[in-house]
């Protein structure tokens, strides 16, 4: 029963967000340059504070847990960098060589 209510609440919230986006696109104006820089700065500060809290709390764990968490975070960082690199390189490769599997 709890799973159903969680799914229902999630679906309802998604509908509300999508409905508000449809109305907001028609009625709202584009954000100003100051708003863009302000929101960007706030987001960077939040991410940096979360990282700092994790950096300060992580050494408090036991050695075995610390090793496992560190391995997971290292793998996550490496896979994120690899994925980001591929997402930036693939469009350039496609436009430069313009290859297709159907053209023989």
N, C-alpha and C. Protein backbone atom coordinates (compact mmCIF):
# COMPACT_ATOMS: atom_id res chain seq x y z
N UNK A 1 0.82 -1.19 0.00
CA UNK A 1 0.00 0.00 0.00
C UNK A 1 0.87 1.26 0.00
N UNK A 2 2.00 1.20 0.71
CA UNK A 2 2.87 2.36 0.76
C UNK A 2 3.51 2.64 -0.60
N UNK A 3 3.84 1.57 -1.33
CA UNK A 3 4.44 1.76 -2.65
C UNK A 3 3.45 2.45 -3.59
N UNK A 4 2.19 2.03 -3.51
CA UNK A 4 1.18 2.64 -4.38
C UNK A 4 1.01 4.11 -4.06
N UNK A 5 0.97 4.47 -2.79
CA UNK A 5 0.78 5.87 -2.43
C UNK A 5 1.99 6.70 -2.83
N UNK A 6 3.21 6.13 -2.71
CA UNK A 6 4.41 6.86 -3.12
C UNK A 6 4.41 7.09 -4.63
N UNK A 7 4.02 6.08 -5.39
CA UNK A 7 3.96 6.22 -6.84
C UNK A 7 2.88 7.22 -7.23
N UNK A 8 1.75 7.18 -6.54
CA UNK A 8 0.66 8.11 -6.84
C UNK A 8 1.08 9.54 -6.53
N UNK A 9 1.74 9.74 -5.40
CA UNK A 9 2.19 11.09 -5.03
C UNK A 9 3.23 11.58 -6.03
N UNK A 10 4.16 10.71 -6.43
CA UNK A 10 5.18 11.09 -7.40
C UNK A 10 4.55 11.47 -8.73
N UNK A 11 3.58 10.67 -9.18
CA UNK A 11 2.90 10.96 -10.44
C UNK A 11 2.13 12.27 -10.35
N UNK A 12 1.48 12.51 -9.22
CA UNK A 12 0.73 13.75 -9.04
C UNK A 12 1.64 14.96 -9.05
N UNK A 13 2.78 14.85 -8.37
CA UNK A 13 3.73 15.96 -8.38
C UNK A 13 4.29 16.22 -9.77
N UNK A 14 4.54 15.15 -10.52
CA UNK A 14 5.02 15.31 -11.88
C UNK A 14 3.99 16.04 -12.74
N UNK A 15 2.73 15.69 -12.58
CA UNK A 15 1.68 16.38 -13.33
C UNK A 15 1.62 17.86 -12.96
N UNK A 16 1.75 18.17 -11.68
CA UNK A 16 1.73 19.56 -11.25
C UNK A 16 2.89 20.35 -11.83
N UNK A 17 4.07 19.75 -11.85
CA UNK A 17 5.24 20.43 -12.38
C UNK A 17 5.08 20.67 -13.88
N UNK A 18 4.63 19.67 -14.59
CA UNK A 18 4.45 19.82 -16.04
C UNK A 18 3.36 20.83 -16.36
N UNK A 19 2.29 20.84 -15.59
CA UNK A 19 1.22 21.80 -15.82
C UNK A 19 1.70 23.22 -15.53
N UNK A 20 2.50 23.39 -14.49
CA UNK A 20 2.99 24.73 -14.17
C UNK A 20 3.99 25.20 -15.22
N UNK A 21 4.78 24.26 -15.79
CA UNK A 21 5.73 24.66 -16.83
C UNK A 21 5.00 25.14 -18.09
N UNK A 22 3.88 24.50 -18.43
CA UNK A 22 3.14 24.91 -19.61
C UNK A 22 2.61 26.33 -19.44
N UNK A 23 2.10 26.63 -18.26
CA UNK A 23 1.56 27.97 -18.02
C UNK A 23 2.66 28.99 -17.84
N UNK A 24 3.75 28.59 -17.23
CA UNK A 24 4.81 29.55 -16.96
C UNK A 24 5.53 29.96 -18.25
N UNK A 25 5.60 29.07 -19.24
CA UNK A 25 6.26 29.42 -20.50
C UNK A 25 5.49 30.50 -21.23
N UNK A 26 4.18 30.46 -21.13
CA UNK A 26 3.36 31.44 -21.82
C UNK A 26 3.34 32.79 -21.10
N UNK A 27 3.33 32.76 -19.78
CA UNK A 27 3.11 33.97 -19.00
C UNK A 27 4.40 34.64 -18.54
N UNK A 28 5.46 33.88 -18.30
CA UNK A 28 6.65 34.47 -17.68
C UNK A 28 7.61 35.00 -18.73
N UNK A 29 8.51 35.85 -18.23
CA UNK A 29 9.55 36.39 -19.08
C UNK A 29 10.83 35.60 -18.87
N UNK A 30 11.78 35.81 -19.76
CA UNK A 30 13.07 35.15 -19.59
C UNK A 30 13.80 35.76 -18.40
N UNK A 31 14.61 34.94 -17.69
CA UNK A 31 15.34 35.51 -16.54
C UNK A 31 16.41 36.50 -17.00
N UNK A 32 16.67 37.47 -16.14
CA UNK A 32 17.69 38.46 -16.45
C UNK A 32 19.07 37.84 -16.25
N UNK A 33 20.08 38.57 -16.67
CA UNK A 33 21.45 38.09 -16.52
C UNK A 33 21.79 37.96 -15.04
N UNK A 34 21.34 38.91 -14.23
CA UNK A 34 21.62 38.87 -12.78
C UNK A 34 20.96 37.64 -12.15
N UNK A 35 19.75 37.31 -12.57
CA UNK A 35 19.08 36.12 -12.05
C UNK A 35 19.83 34.85 -12.44
N UNK A 36 20.29 34.79 -13.67
CA UNK A 36 21.04 33.61 -14.12
C UNK A 36 22.31 33.42 -13.30
N UNK A 37 23.07 34.50 -13.13
CA UNK A 37 24.30 34.40 -12.34
C UNK A 37 24.00 34.13 -10.88
N UNK A 38 22.92 34.71 -10.37
CA UNK A 38 22.54 34.48 -8.97
C UNK A 38 22.16 33.04 -8.71
N UNK A 39 21.30 32.47 -9.57
CA UNK A 39 20.90 31.07 -9.41
C UNK A 39 22.09 30.13 -9.61
N UNK A 40 22.94 30.44 -10.55
CA UNK A 40 24.14 29.62 -10.77
C UNK A 40 25.06 29.63 -9.57
N UNK A 41 25.25 30.81 -8.99
CA UNK A 41 26.10 30.93 -7.81
C UNK A 41 25.52 30.18 -6.63
N UNK A 42 24.21 30.30 -6.44
CA UNK A 42 23.54 29.59 -5.34
C UNK A 42 23.70 28.08 -5.52
N UNK A 43 23.53 27.59 -6.73
CA UNK A 43 23.66 26.15 -6.99
C UNK A 43 25.09 25.67 -6.71
N UNK A 44 26.08 26.45 -7.11
CA UNK A 44 27.47 26.07 -6.87
C UNK A 44 27.78 26.07 -5.38
N UNK A 45 27.26 27.05 -4.65
CA UNK A 45 27.50 27.10 -3.20
C UNK A 45 26.87 25.89 -2.51
N UNK A 46 25.66 25.52 -2.92
CA UNK A 46 24.98 24.37 -2.31
C UNK A 46 25.76 23.08 -2.58
N UNK A 47 26.17 22.88 -3.82
CA UNK A 47 26.94 21.68 -4.16
C UNK A 47 28.26 21.65 -3.40
N UNK A 48 28.92 22.80 -3.29
CA UNK A 48 30.19 22.85 -2.57
C UNK A 48 30.01 22.56 -1.08
N UNK A 49 28.93 23.06 -0.48
CA UNK A 49 28.68 22.79 0.93
C UNK A 49 28.37 21.32 1.18
N UNK A 50 27.62 20.70 0.28
CA UNK A 50 27.34 19.27 0.42
C UNK A 50 28.64 18.47 0.31
N UNK A 51 29.50 18.86 -0.61
CA UNK A 51 30.79 18.20 -0.75
C UNK A 51 31.65 18.38 0.50
N UNK A 52 31.65 19.57 1.05
CA UNK A 52 32.43 19.84 2.26
C UNK A 52 31.92 19.02 3.44
N UNK A 53 30.60 18.93 3.58
CA UNK A 53 30.03 18.12 4.67
C UNK A 53 30.42 16.66 4.50
N UNK A 54 30.33 16.14 3.29
CA UNK A 54 30.74 14.76 3.04
C UNK A 54 32.21 14.55 3.30
N UNK A 55 33.03 15.53 2.93
CA UNK A 55 34.48 15.44 3.15
C UNK A 55 34.80 15.41 4.64
N UNK A 56 34.03 16.14 5.44
CA UNK A 56 34.29 16.19 6.87
C UNK A 56 33.73 14.97 7.61
N UNK A 57 32.62 14.41 7.11
CA UNK A 57 31.98 13.28 7.80
C UNK A 57 32.60 11.95 7.38
N UNK A 58 33.04 11.82 6.15
CA UNK A 58 33.52 10.55 5.63
C UNK A 58 34.65 9.93 6.45
N UNK A 59 35.64 10.67 6.91
CA UNK A 59 36.71 10.04 7.71
C UNK A 59 36.23 9.51 9.07
N UNK A 60 35.05 9.87 9.51
CA UNK A 60 34.53 9.41 10.80
C UNK A 60 34.05 7.96 10.73
N UNK A 61 33.86 7.40 9.55
CA UNK A 61 33.40 6.02 9.42
C UNK A 61 34.53 5.04 9.75
N UNK A 62 34.14 3.78 9.94
CA UNK A 62 35.14 2.74 10.17
C UNK A 62 35.99 2.55 8.91
N UNK A 63 37.12 1.94 9.06
CA UNK A 63 38.06 1.77 7.94
C UNK A 63 37.46 0.97 6.79
N UNK A 64 36.72 -0.11 7.07
CA UNK A 64 36.16 -0.93 5.99
C UNK A 64 35.07 -0.17 5.24
N UNK A 65 34.23 0.53 5.98
CA UNK A 65 33.15 1.30 5.33
C UNK A 65 33.76 2.44 4.53
N UNK A 66 34.77 3.08 5.08
CA UNK A 66 35.45 4.17 4.39
C UNK A 66 36.05 3.69 3.07
N UNK A 67 36.68 2.52 3.08
CA UNK A 67 37.27 1.99 1.86
C UNK A 67 36.21 1.69 0.80
N UNK A 68 35.08 1.13 1.21
CA UNK A 68 34.01 0.83 0.25
C UNK A 68 33.41 2.11 -0.33
N UNK A 69 33.14 3.07 0.52
CA UNK A 69 32.56 4.33 0.04
C UNK A 69 33.53 5.05 -0.88
N UNK A 70 34.81 5.04 -0.52
CA UNK A 70 35.81 5.70 -1.35
C UNK A 70 35.93 5.03 -2.72
N UNK A 71 35.84 3.69 -2.76
CA UNK A 71 35.88 2.97 -4.04
C UNK A 71 34.67 3.33 -4.90
N UNK A 72 33.51 3.38 -4.30
CA UNK A 72 32.29 3.73 -5.04
C UNK A 72 32.37 5.15 -5.58
N UNK A 73 32.81 6.09 -4.76
CA UNK A 73 32.90 7.48 -5.20
C UNK A 73 33.95 7.67 -6.29
N UNK A 74 35.06 6.93 -6.21
CA UNK A 74 36.08 7.01 -7.25
C UNK A 74 35.55 6.46 -8.57
N UNK A 75 34.84 5.34 -8.52
CA UNK A 75 34.25 4.78 -9.73
C UNK A 75 33.20 5.72 -10.32
N UNK A 76 32.42 6.34 -9.46
CA UNK A 76 31.41 7.29 -9.93
C UNK A 76 32.06 8.50 -10.60
N UNK A 77 33.14 8.99 -10.02
CA UNK A 77 33.84 10.14 -10.61
C UNK A 77 34.44 9.79 -11.97
N UNK A 78 35.06 8.63 -12.06
CA UNK A 78 35.68 8.22 -13.32
C UNK A 78 34.63 8.00 -14.41
N UNK A 79 33.53 7.36 -14.06
CA UNK A 79 32.48 7.11 -15.06
C UNK A 79 31.81 8.42 -15.48
N UNK A 80 31.67 9.36 -14.57
CA UNK A 80 31.09 10.65 -14.93
C UNK A 80 31.98 11.40 -15.90
N UNK A 81 33.28 11.41 -15.64
CA UNK A 81 34.21 12.07 -16.55
C UNK A 81 34.22 11.41 -17.93
N UNK A 82 34.21 10.08 -17.96
CA UNK A 82 34.21 9.37 -19.23
C UNK A 82 32.94 9.66 -20.02
N UNK A 83 31.81 9.62 -19.35
CA UNK A 83 30.54 9.89 -20.02
C UNK A 83 30.49 11.32 -20.55
N UNK A 84 30.94 12.26 -19.76
CA UNK A 84 30.94 13.65 -20.19
C UNK A 84 31.84 13.84 -21.40
N UNK A 85 32.98 13.19 -21.39
CA UNK A 85 33.90 13.28 -22.53
C UNK A 85 33.26 12.71 -23.80
N UNK A 86 32.64 11.55 -23.67
CA UNK A 86 32.01 10.94 -24.85
C UNK A 86 30.86 11.79 -25.37
N UNK A 87 30.08 12.37 -24.47
CA UNK A 87 28.96 13.20 -24.91
C UNK A 87 29.43 14.46 -25.61
N UNK A 88 30.63 14.95 -25.29
CA UNK A 88 31.15 16.12 -25.96
C UNK A 88 31.86 15.78 -27.27
N UNK A 89 32.46 14.59 -27.33
CA UNK A 89 33.24 14.23 -28.51
C UNK A 89 32.37 13.65 -29.62
N UNK A 90 31.39 12.85 -29.29
CA UNK A 90 30.60 12.15 -30.32
C UNK A 90 29.94 13.09 -31.33
N UNK A 91 29.32 14.19 -30.95
CA UNK A 91 28.75 15.07 -31.98
C UNK A 91 29.80 15.65 -32.91
N UNK A 92 30.98 15.95 -32.38
CA UNK A 92 32.04 16.48 -33.24
C UNK A 92 32.54 15.43 -34.21
N UNK A 93 32.66 14.19 -33.77
CA UNK A 93 33.09 13.11 -34.66
C UNK A 93 32.06 12.88 -35.75
N UNK A 94 30.81 12.90 -35.40
CA UNK A 94 29.76 12.67 -36.38
C UNK A 94 29.73 13.76 -37.44
N UNK A 95 29.88 15.02 -37.03
CA UNK A 95 29.85 16.10 -38.01
C UNK A 95 31.13 16.13 -38.85
N UNK A 96 32.27 15.77 -38.27
CA UNK A 96 33.52 15.84 -39.02
C UNK A 96 33.61 14.73 -40.06
N UNK A 97 33.27 13.52 -39.69
CA UNK A 97 33.40 12.41 -40.61
C UNK A 97 32.11 12.06 -41.32
N UNK A 98 30.98 12.48 -40.78
CA UNK A 98 29.64 12.24 -41.33
C UNK A 98 29.48 10.82 -41.88
N UNK A 99 29.69 9.85 -41.01
CA UNK A 99 29.58 8.46 -41.41
C UNK A 99 28.20 7.93 -41.03
N UNK A 100 27.83 6.87 -41.71
CA UNK A 100 26.58 6.23 -41.41
C UNK A 100 26.74 4.74 -41.69
N UNK A 101 26.05 3.94 -40.93
CA UNK A 101 26.12 2.49 -41.14
C UNK A 101 25.35 2.08 -42.39
N UNK A 102 24.41 2.92 -42.82
CA UNK A 102 23.60 2.57 -43.98
C UNK A 102 24.31 2.88 -45.29
N UNK A 103 25.23 3.83 -45.29
CA UNK A 103 25.97 4.17 -46.50
C UNK A 103 27.13 3.20 -46.66
N UNK A 104 27.14 2.46 -47.75
CA UNK A 104 28.24 1.52 -47.97
C UNK A 104 28.97 1.83 -49.25
